Amino acid sequence: MFTATILKPGFAQHIRKLVLNVAAASYFVPEKLRAVILRLVGLKVGVATRVGSGCIFAGDLAIAIGRDCFIGHRCMFDAAAP
């Protein structure tokens, strides 16, 4: 088992981005489940929002998507600006 003292700072952020940009972005994950995964990693995603496969989230993960939205396949969200 890993403890918090063994893990390097920022490790949790890397795991979140890995889940977000690899696992959730997979073509095999249904759109509704993808929205649930996005919520679990910390994004604010509105009710009845559908997110297509292949979407990439770069920079800060402080992104909010409204309700009843549709995000198309392979969109990129770049929140790295200061």
PDB file of N, CA and C in Angstrom:
ATOM      1  N   MET A   1       0.841  -1.190   0.000  1.00  0.00           N
ATOM      2  CA  MET A   1       0.000   0.000   0.000  1.00  0.00           C
ATOM      3  C   MET A   1       0.880   1.246   0.000  1.00  0.00           C
ATOM      4  N   PHE A   2       0.468   2.223  -0.775  1.00  0.00           N
ATOM      5  CA  PHE A   2       1.165   3.504  -0.794  1.00  0.00           C
ATOM      6  C   PHE A   2       0.585   4.412   0.277  1.00  0.00           C
ATOM      7  N   THR A   3       1.431   5.186   0.872  1.00  0.00           N
ATOM      8  CA  THR A   3       0.956   6.186   1.819  1.00  0.00           C
ATOM      9  C   THR A   3       1.246   7.562   1.258  1.00  0.00           C
ATOM     10  N   ALA A   4       0.642   8.558   1.826  1.00  0.00           N
ATOM     11  CA  ALA A   4       0.809   9.927   1.336  1.00  0.00           C
ATOM     12  C   ALA A   4       2.255  10.398   1.423  1.00  0.00           C
ATOM     13  N   THR A   5       3.034   9.838   2.349  1.00  0.00           N
ATOM     14  CA  THR A   5       4.426  10.271   2.478  1.00  0.00           C
ATOM     15  C   THR A   5       5.306   9.719   1.367  1.00  0.00           C
ATOM     16  N   ILE A   6       4.921   8.608   0.766  1.00  0.00           N
ATOM     17  CA  ILE A   6       5.708   8.008  -0.310  1.00  0.00           C
ATOM     18  C   ILE A   6       5.448   8.705  -1.643  1.00  0.00           C
ATOM     19  N   LEU A   7       4.228   9.127  -1.861  1.00  0.00           N
ATOM     20  CA  LEU A   7       3.856   9.734  -3.131  1.00  0.00           C
ATOM     21  C   LEU A   7       4.447  11.124  -3.282  1.00  0.00           C
ATOM     22  N   LYS A   8       4.894  11.424  -4.482  1.00  0.00           N
ATOM     23  CA  LYS A   8       5.445  12.741  -4.761  1.00  0.00           C
ATOM     24  C   LYS A   8       4.330  13.772  -4.842  1.00  0.00           C
ATOM     25  N   PRO A   9       4.634  15.040  -4.550  1.00  0.00           N
ATOM     26  CA  PRO A   9       3.617  16.089  -4.681  1.00  0.00           C
ATOM     27  C   PRO A   9       3.118  16.161  -6.123  1.00  0.00           C
ATOM     28  N   GLY A  10       1.847  16.346  -6.275  1.00  0.00           N
ATOM     29  CA  GLY A  10       1.261  16.445  -7.604  1.00  0.00           C
ATOM     30  C   GLY A  10       0.901  15.104  -8.226  1.00  0.00           C
ATOM     31  N   PHE A  11       1.187  14.008  -7.533  1.00  0.00           N
ATOM     32  CA  PHE A  11       0.897  12.680  -8.072  1.00  0.00           C
ATOM     33  C   PHE A  11      -0.601  12.494  -8.288  1.00  0.00           C
ATOM     34  N   ALA A  12      -1.402  12.950  -7.342  1.00  0.00           N
ATOM     35  CA  ALA A  12      -2.858  12.823  -7.474  1.00  0.00           C
ATOM     36  C   ALA A  12      -3.364  13.596  -8.693  1.00  0.00           C
ATOM     37  N   GLN A  13      -2.768  14.743  -8.964  1.00  0.00           N
ATOM     38  CA  GLN A  13      -3.148  15.542 -10.137  1.00  0.00           C
ATOM     39  C   GLN A  13      -2.850  14.764 -11.422  1.00  0.00           C
ATOM     40  N   HIS A  14      -1.730  14.062 -11.463  1.00  0.00           N
ATOM     41  CA  HIS A  14      -1.379  13.274 -12.644  1.00  0.00           C
ATOM     42  C   HIS A  14      -2.342  12.105 -12.833  1.00  0.00           C
ATOM     43  N   ILE A  15      -2.723  11.477 -11.744  1.00  0.00           N
ATOM     44  CA  ILE A  15      -3.680  10.373 -11.825  1.00  0.00           C
ATOM     45  C   ILE A  15      -5.028  10.876 -12.327  1.00  0.00           C
ATOM     46  N   ARG A  16      -5.478  12.038 -11.814  1.00  0.00           N
ATOM     47  CA  ARG A  16      -6.745  12.620 -12.279  1.00  0.00           C
ATOM     48  C   ARG A  16      -6.708  12.895 -13.771  1.00  0.00           C
ATOM     49  N   LYS A  17      -5.599  13.470 -14.248  1.00  0.00           N
ATOM     50  CA  LYS A  17      -5.491  13.768 -15.684  1.00  0.00           C
ATOM     51  C   LYS A  17      -5.406  12.502 -16.519  1.00  0.00           C
ATOM     52  N   LEU A  18      -4.783  11.465 -15.997  1.00  0.00           N
ATOM     53  CA  LEU A  18      -4.721  10.189 -16.692  1.00  0.00           C
ATOM     54  C   LEU A  18      -6.123   9.587 -16.834  1.00  0.00           C
ATOM     55  N   VAL A  19      -6.882   9.585 -15.753  1.00  0.00           N
ATOM     56  CA  VAL A  19      -8.255   9.078 -15.798  1.00  0.00           C
ATOM     57  C   VAL A  19      -9.091   9.926 -16.749  1.00  0.00           C
ATOM     58  N   LEU A  20      -8.920  11.229 -16.678  1.00  0.00           N
ATOM     59  CA  LEU A  20      -9.707  12.158 -17.478  1.00  0.00           C
ATOM     60  C   LEU A  20      -9.393  12.064 -18.966  1.00  0.00           C
ATOM     61  N   ASN A  21      -8.119  12.054 -19.330  1.00  0.00           N
ATOM     62  CA  ASN A  21      -7.726  12.150 -20.734  1.00  0.00           C
ATOM     63  C   ASN A  21      -7.455  10.817 -21.414  1.00  0.00           C
ATOM     64  N   VAL A  22      -7.438   9.730 -20.654  1.00  0.00           N
ATOM     65  CA  VAL A  22      -7.223   8.425 -21.263  1.00  0.00           C
ATOM     66  C   VAL A  22      -8.442   7.528 -21.050  1.00  0.00           C
ATOM     67  N   ALA A  23      -8.747   7.241 -19.797  1.00  0.00           N
ATOM     68  CA  ALA A  23      -9.849   6.318 -19.508  1.00  0.00           C
ATOM     69  C   ALA A  23     -11.205   6.898 -19.920  1.00  0.00           C
ATOM     70  N   ALA A  24     -11.498   8.107 -19.481  1.00  0.00           N
ATOM     71  CA  ALA A  24     -12.798   8.715 -19.798  1.00  0.00           C
ATOM     72  C   ALA A  24     -12.910   9.086 -21.268  1.00  0.00           C
ATOM     73  N   ALA A  25     -11.793   9.333 -21.931  1.00  0.00           N
ATOM     74  CA  ALA A  25     -11.809   9.743 -23.334  1.00  0.00           C
ATOM     75  C   ALA A  25     -11.988   8.566 -24.291  1.00  0.00           C
ATOM     76  N   SER A  26     -11.956   7.362 -23.767  1.00  0.00           N
ATOM     77  CA  SER A  26     -12.047   6.169 -24.601  1.00  0.00           C
ATOM     78  C   SER A  26     -13.364   6.119 -25.372  1.00  0.00           C
ATOM     79  N   TYR A  27     -13.281   5.610 -26.577  1.00  0.00           N
ATOM     80  CA  TYR A  27     -14.458   5.429 -27.427  1.00  0.00           C
ATOM     81  C   TYR A  27     -15.444   4.445 -26.800  1.00  0.00           C
ATOM     82  N   PHE A  28     -14.949   3.535 -25.973  1.00  0.00           N
ATOM     83  CA  PHE A  28     -15.784   2.482 -25.399  1.00  0.00           C
ATOM     84  C   PHE A  28     -16.584   2.925 -24.174  1.00  0.00           C
ATOM     85  N   VAL A  29     -16.343   4.127 -23.681  1.00  0.00           N
ATOM     86  CA  VAL A  29     -17.080   4.648 -22.532  1.00  0.00           C
ATOM     87  C   VAL A  29     -18.311   5.402 -23.047  1.00  0.00           C
ATOM     88  N   PRO A  30     -19.516   5.017 -22.612  1.00  0.00           N
ATOM     89  CA  PRO A  30     -20.727   5.722 -23.056  1.00  0.00           C
ATOM     90  C   PRO A  30     -20.736   7.190 -22.602  1.00  0.00           C
ATOM     91  N   GLU A  31     -21.424   8.039 -23.371  1.00  0.00           N
ATOM     92  CA  GLU A  31     -21.435   9.485 -23.097  1.00  0.00           C
ATOM     93  C   GLU A  31     -21.937   9.821 -21.703  1.00  0.00           C
ATOM     94  N   LYS A  32     -22.985   9.160 -21.253  1.00  0.00           N
ATOM     95  CA  LYS A  32     -23.532   9.456 -19.920  1.00  0.00           C
ATOM     96  C   LYS A  32     -22.555   9.046 -18.820  1.00  0.00           C
ATOM     97  N   LEU A  33     -21.899   7.899 -18.983  1.00  0.00           N
ATOM     98  CA  LEU A  33     -20.903   7.456 -18.005  1.00  0.00           C
ATOM     99  C   LEU A  33     -19.701   8.394 -18.022  1.00  0.00           C
ATOM    100  N   ARG A  34     -19.332   8.890 -19.194  1.00  0.00           N
ATOM    101  CA  ARG A  34     -18.206   9.823 -19.312  1.00  0.00           C
ATOM    102  C   ARG A  34     -18.478  11.079 -18.486  1.00  0.00           C
ATOM    103  N   ALA A  35     -19.708  11.589 -18.530  1.00  0.00           N
ATOM    104  CA  ALA A  35     -20.067  12.772 -17.735  1.00  0.00           C
ATOM    105  C   ALA A  35     -19.942  12.479 -16.238  1.00  0.00           C
ATOM    106  N   VAL A  36     -20.318  11.288 -15.831  1.00  0.00           N
ATOM    107  CA  VAL A  36     -20.187  10.895 -14.416  1.00  0.00           C
ATOM    108  C   VAL A  36     -18.710  10.849 -14.021  1.00  0.00           C
ATOM    109  N   ILE A  37     -17.865  10.296 -14.874  1.00  0.00           N
ATOM    110  CA  ILE A  37     -16.424  10.228 -14.588  1.00  0.00           C
ATOM    111  C   ILE A  37     -15.846  11.635 -14.472  1.00  0.00           C
ATOM    112  N   LEU A  38     -16.260  12.532 -15.348  1.00  0.00           N
ATOM    113  CA  LEU A  38     -15.779  13.911 -15.288  1.00  0.00           C
ATOM    114  C   LEU A  38     -16.147  14.550 -13.959  1.00  0.00           C
ATOM    115  N   ARG A  39     -17.344  14.284 -13.474  1.00  0.00           N
ATOM    116  CA  ARG A  39     -17.756  14.819 -12.173  1.00  0.00           C
ATOM    117  C   ARG A  39     -16.901  14.224 -11.055  1.00  0.00           C
ATOM    118  N   LEU A  40     -16.611  12.928 -11.139  1.00  0.00           N
ATOM    119  CA  LEU A  40     -15.832  12.260 -10.096  1.00  0.00           C
ATOM    120  C   LEU A  40     -14.406  12.798  -9.992  1.00  0.00           C
ATOM    121  N   VAL A  41     -13.826  13.247 -11.104  1.00  0.00           N
ATOM    122  CA  VAL A  41     -12.460  13.779 -11.042  1.00  0.00           C
ATOM    123  C   VAL A  41     -12.436  15.266 -10.739  1.00  0.00           C
ATOM    124  N   GLY A  42     -13.611  15.895 -10.577  1.00  0.00           N
ATOM    125  CA  GLY A  42     -13.639  17.267 -10.092  1.00  0.00           C
ATOM    126  C   GLY A  42     -14.159  18.325 -11.031  1.00  0.00           C
ATOM    127  N   LEU A  43     -14.548  17.965 -12.253  1.00  0.00           N
ATOM    128  CA  LEU A  43     -15.116  18.964 -13.157  1.00  0.00           C
ATOM    129  C   LEU A  43     -16.581  19.192 -12.805  1.00  0.00           C
ATOM    130  N   LYS A  44     -17.046  20.399 -13.040  1.00  0.00           N
ATOM    131  CA  LYS A  44     -18.450  20.702 -12.817  1.00  0.00           C
ATOM    132  C   LYS A  44     -19.187  20.467 -14.133  1.00  0.00           C
ATOM    133  N   VAL A  45     -20.013  19.426 -14.150  1.00  0.00           N
ATOM    134  CA  VAL A  45     -20.745  19.040 -15.353  1.00  0.00           C
ATOM    135  C   VAL A  45     -22.223  19.043 -15.021  1.00  0.00           C
ATOM    136  N   GLY A  46     -23.001  19.774 -15.797  1.00  0.00           N
ATOM    137  CA  GLY A  46     -24.427  19.905 -15.552  1.00  0.00           C
ATOM    138  C   GLY A  46     -25.215  18.645 -15.848  1.00  0.00           C
ATOM    139  N   VAL A  47     -26.442  18.647 -15.392  1.00  0.00           N
ATOM    140  CA  VAL A  47     -27.354  17.520 -15.579  1.00  0.00           C
ATOM    141  C   VAL A  47     -27.660  17.361 -17.069  1.00  0.00           C
ATOM    142  N   ALA A  48     -27.788  16.131 -17.520  1.00  0.00           N
ATOM    143  CA  ALA A  48     -28.148  15.772 -18.896  1.00  0.00           C
ATOM    144  C   ALA A  48     -27.128  16.249 -19.924  1.00  0.00           C
ATOM    145  N   THR A  49     -25.888  16.446 -19.511  1.00  0.00           N
ATOM    146  CA  THR A  49     -24.827  16.829 -20.430  1.00  0.00           C
ATOM    147  C   THR A  49     -24.194  15.572 -21.006  1.00  0.00           C
ATOM    148  N   ARG A  50     -23.922  15.613 -22.301  1.00  0.00           N
ATOM    149  CA  ARG A  50     -23.288  14.491 -22.995  1.00  0.00           C
ATOM    150  C   ARG A  50     -21.929  14.941 -23.516  1.00  0.00           C
ATOM    151  N   VAL A  51     -20.921  14.122 -23.297  1.00  0.00           N
ATOM    152  CA  VAL A  51     -19.553  14.454 -23.711  1.00  0.00           C
ATOM    153  C   VAL A  51     -19.058  13.360 -24.640  1.00  0.00           C
ATOM    154  N   GLY A  52     -18.654  13.747 -25.837  1.00  0.00           N
ATOM    155  CA  GLY A  52     -18.168  12.792 -26.828  1.00  0.00           C
ATOM    156  C   GLY A  52     -16.806  12.235 -26.469  1.00  0.00           C
ATOM    157  N   SER A  53     -16.414  11.176 -27.157  1.00  0.00           N
ATOM    158  CA  SER A  53     -15.132  10.530 -26.885  1.00  0.00           C
ATOM    159  C   SER A  53     -13.971  11.366 -27.409  1.00  0.00           C
ATOM    160  N   GLY A  54     -12.794  11.120 -26.867  1.00  0.00           N
ATOM    161  CA  GLY A  54     -11.584  11.768 -27.341  1.00  0.00           C
ATOM    162  C   GLY A  54     -11.364  13.181 -26.853  1.00  0.00           C
ATOM    163  N   CYS A  55     -12.191  13.672 -25.949  1.00  0.00           N
ATOM    164  CA  CYS A  55     -12.020  15.040 -25.440  1.00  0.00           C
ATOM    165  C   CYS A  55     -10.791  15.117 -24.545  1.00  0.00           C
ATOM    166  N   ILE A  56     -10.036  16.201 -24.677  1.00  0.00           N
ATOM    167  CA  ILE A  56      -8.816  16.409 -23.912  1.00  0.00           C
ATOM    168  C   ILE A  56      -8.997  17.632 -23.019  1.00  0.00           C
ATOM    169  N   PHE A  57      -8.601  17.495 -21.767  1.00  0.00           N
ATOM    170  CA  PHE A  57      -8.671  18.589 -20.809  1.00  0.00           C
ATOM    171  C   PHE A  57      -7.251  18.916 -20.371  1.00  0.00           C
ATOM    172  N   ALA A  58      -6.757  20.116 -20.738  1.00  0.00           N
ATOM    173  CA  ALA A  58      -5.387  20.524 -20.433  1.00  0.00           C
ATOM    174  C   ALA A  58      -5.394  21.662 -19.426  1.00  0.00           C
ATOM    175  N   GLY A  59      -4.283  21.797 -18.715  1.00  0.00           N
ATOM    176  CA  GLY A  59      -4.157  22.884 -17.753  1.00  0.00           C
ATOM    177  C   GLY A  59      -4.926  22.601 -16.476  1.00  0.00           C
ATOM    178  N   ASP A  60      -5.422  23.665 -15.883  1.00  0.00           N
ATOM    179  CA  ASP A  60      -6.181  23.562 -14.637  1.00  0.00           C
ATOM    180  C   ASP A  60      -7.481  22.823 -14.897  1.00  0.00           C
ATOM    181  N   LEU A  61      -7.913  22.035 -13.940  1.00  0.00           N
ATOM    182  CA  LEU A  61      -9.147  21.273 -14.107  1.00  0.00           C
ATOM    183  C   LEU A  61     -10.368  22.018 -13.589  1.00  0.00           C
ATOM    184  N   ALA A  62     -10.261  23.336 -13.433  1.00  0.00           N
ATOM    185  CA  ALA A  62     -11.391  24.144 -12.967  1.00  0.00           C
ATOM    186  C   ALA A  62     -12.249  24.537 -14.170  1.00  0.00           C
ATOM    187  N   ILE A  63     -12.901  23.547 -14.754  1.00  0.00           N
ATOM    188  CA  ILE A  63     -13.741  23.751 -15.938  1.00  0.00           C
ATOM    189  C   ILE A  63     -15.170  23.429 -15.548  1.00  0.00           C
ATOM    190  N   ALA A  64     -16.099  24.263 -16.003  1.00  0.00           N
ATOM    191  CA  ALA A  64     -17.515  24.026 -15.742  1.00  0.00           C
ATOM    192  C   ALA A  64     -18.250  23.922 -17.075  1.00  0.00           C
ATOM    193  N   ILE A  65     -19.075  22.886 -17.200  1.00  0.00           N
ATOM    194  CA  ILE A  65     -19.897  22.678 -18.390  1.00  0.00           C
ATOM    195  C   ILE A  65     -21.348  22.724 -17.922  1.00  0.00           C
ATOM    196  N   GLY A  66     -22.165  23.515 -18.590  1.00  0.00           N
ATOM    197  CA  GLY A  66     -23.556  23.721 -18.181  1.00  0.00           C
ATOM    198  C   GLY A  66     -24.441  22.502 -18.364  1.00  0.00           C
ATOM    199  N   ARG A  67     -25.715  22.679 -18.017  1.00  0.00           N
ATOM    200  CA  ARG A  67     -26.672  21.579 -18.139  1.00  0.00           C
ATOM    201  C   ARG A  67     -27.196  21.490 -19.564  1.00  0.00           C
ATOM    202  N   ASP A  68     -27.605  20.288 -19.953  1.00  0.00           N
ATOM    203  CA  ASP A  68     -28.150  20.008 -21.279  1.00  0.00           C
ATOM    204  C   ASP A  68     -27.213  20.414 -22.410  1.00  0.00           C
ATOM    205  N   CYS A  69     -25.908  20.246 -22.196  1.00  0.00           N
ATOM    206  CA  CYS A  69     -24.919  20.574 -23.234  1.00  0.00           C
ATOM    207  C   CYS A  69     -24.497  19.311 -23.967  1.00  0.00           C
ATOM    208  N   PHE A  70     -24.024  19.505 -25.179  1.00  0.00           N
ATOM    209  CA  PHE A  70     -23.430  18.416 -25.945  1.00  0.00           C
ATOM    210  C   PHE A  70     -22.040  18.855 -26.369  1.00  0.00           C
ATOM    211  N   ILE A  71     -21.027  18.106 -25.958  1.00  0.00           N
ATOM    212  CA  ILE A  71     -19.641  18.361 -26.337  1.00  0.00           C
ATOM    213  C   ILE A  71     -19.272  17.301 -27.367  1.00  0.00           C
ATOM    214  N   GLY A  72     -18.876  17.732 -28.550  1.00  0.00           N
ATOM    215  CA  GLY A  72     -18.586  16.812 -29.645  1.00  0.00           C
ATOM    216  C   GLY A  72     -17.319  16.006 -29.452  1.00  0.00           C
ATOM    217  N   HIS A  73     -17.126  15.090 -30.349  1.00  0.00           N
ATOM    218  CA  HIS A  73     -15.980  14.183 -30.370  1.00  0.00           C
ATOM    219  C   HIS A  73     -14.680  14.962 -30.566  1.00  0.00           C
ATOM    220  N   ARG A  74     -13.650  14.640 -29.771  1.00  0.00           N
ATOM    221  CA  ARG A  74     -12.290  15.171 -29.864  1.00  0.00           C
ATOM    222  C   ARG A  74     -12.176  16.677 -29.632  1.00  0.00           C
ATOM    223  N   CYS A  75     -12.977  17.244 -28.751  1.00  0.00           N
ATOM    224  CA  CYS A  75     -12.841  18.648 -28.380  1.00  0.00           C
ATOM    225  C   CYS A  75     -11.690  18.795 -27.383  1.00  0.00           C
ATOM    226  N   MET A  76     -11.057  19.963 -27.415  1.00  0.00           N
ATOM    227  CA  MET A  76      -9.978  20.218 -26.459  1.00  0.00           C
ATOM    228  C   MET A  76     -10.333  21.424 -25.618  1.00  0.00           C
ATOM    229  N   PHE A  77     -10.219  21.256 -24.297  1.00  0.00           N
ATOM    230  CA  PHE A  77     -10.442  22.329 -23.351  1.00  0.00           C
ATOM    231  C   PHE A  77      -9.085  22.711 -22.762  1.00  0.00           C
ATOM    232  N   ASP A  78      -8.609  23.901 -23.047  1.00  0.00           N
ATOM    233  CA  ASP A  78      -7.300  24.330 -22.570  1.00  0.00           C
ATOM    234  C   ASP A  78      -7.517  25.426 -21.526  1.00  0.00           C
ATOM    235  N   ALA A  79      -7.350  25.076 -20.270  1.00  0.00           N
ATOM    236  CA  ALA A  79      -7.538  26.025 -19.177  1.00  0.00           C
ATOM    237  C   ALA A  79      -6.197  26.399 -18.564  1.00  0.00           C
ATOM    238  N   ALA A  80      -5.173  26.492 -19.391  1.00  0.00           N
ATOM    239  CA  ALA A  80      -3.823  26.780 -18.893  1.00  0.00           C
ATOM    240  C   ALA A  80      -3.495  28.264 -18.870  1.00  0.00           C
ATOM    241  N   ALA A  81      -4.362  29.099 -19.399  1.00  0.00           N
ATOM    242  CA  ALA A  81      -4.073  30.529 -19.454  1.00  0.00           C
ATOM    243  C   ALA A  81      -4.074  31.127 -18.041  1.00  0.00           C
ATOM    244  N   PRO A  82      -3.234  32.141 -17.815  1.00  0.00           N
ATOM    245  CA  PRO A  82      -3.178  32.756 -16.478  1.00  0.00           C
ATOM    246  C   PRO A  82      -4.409  33.594 -16.173  1.00  0.00           C
TER     247      PRO A  82
END
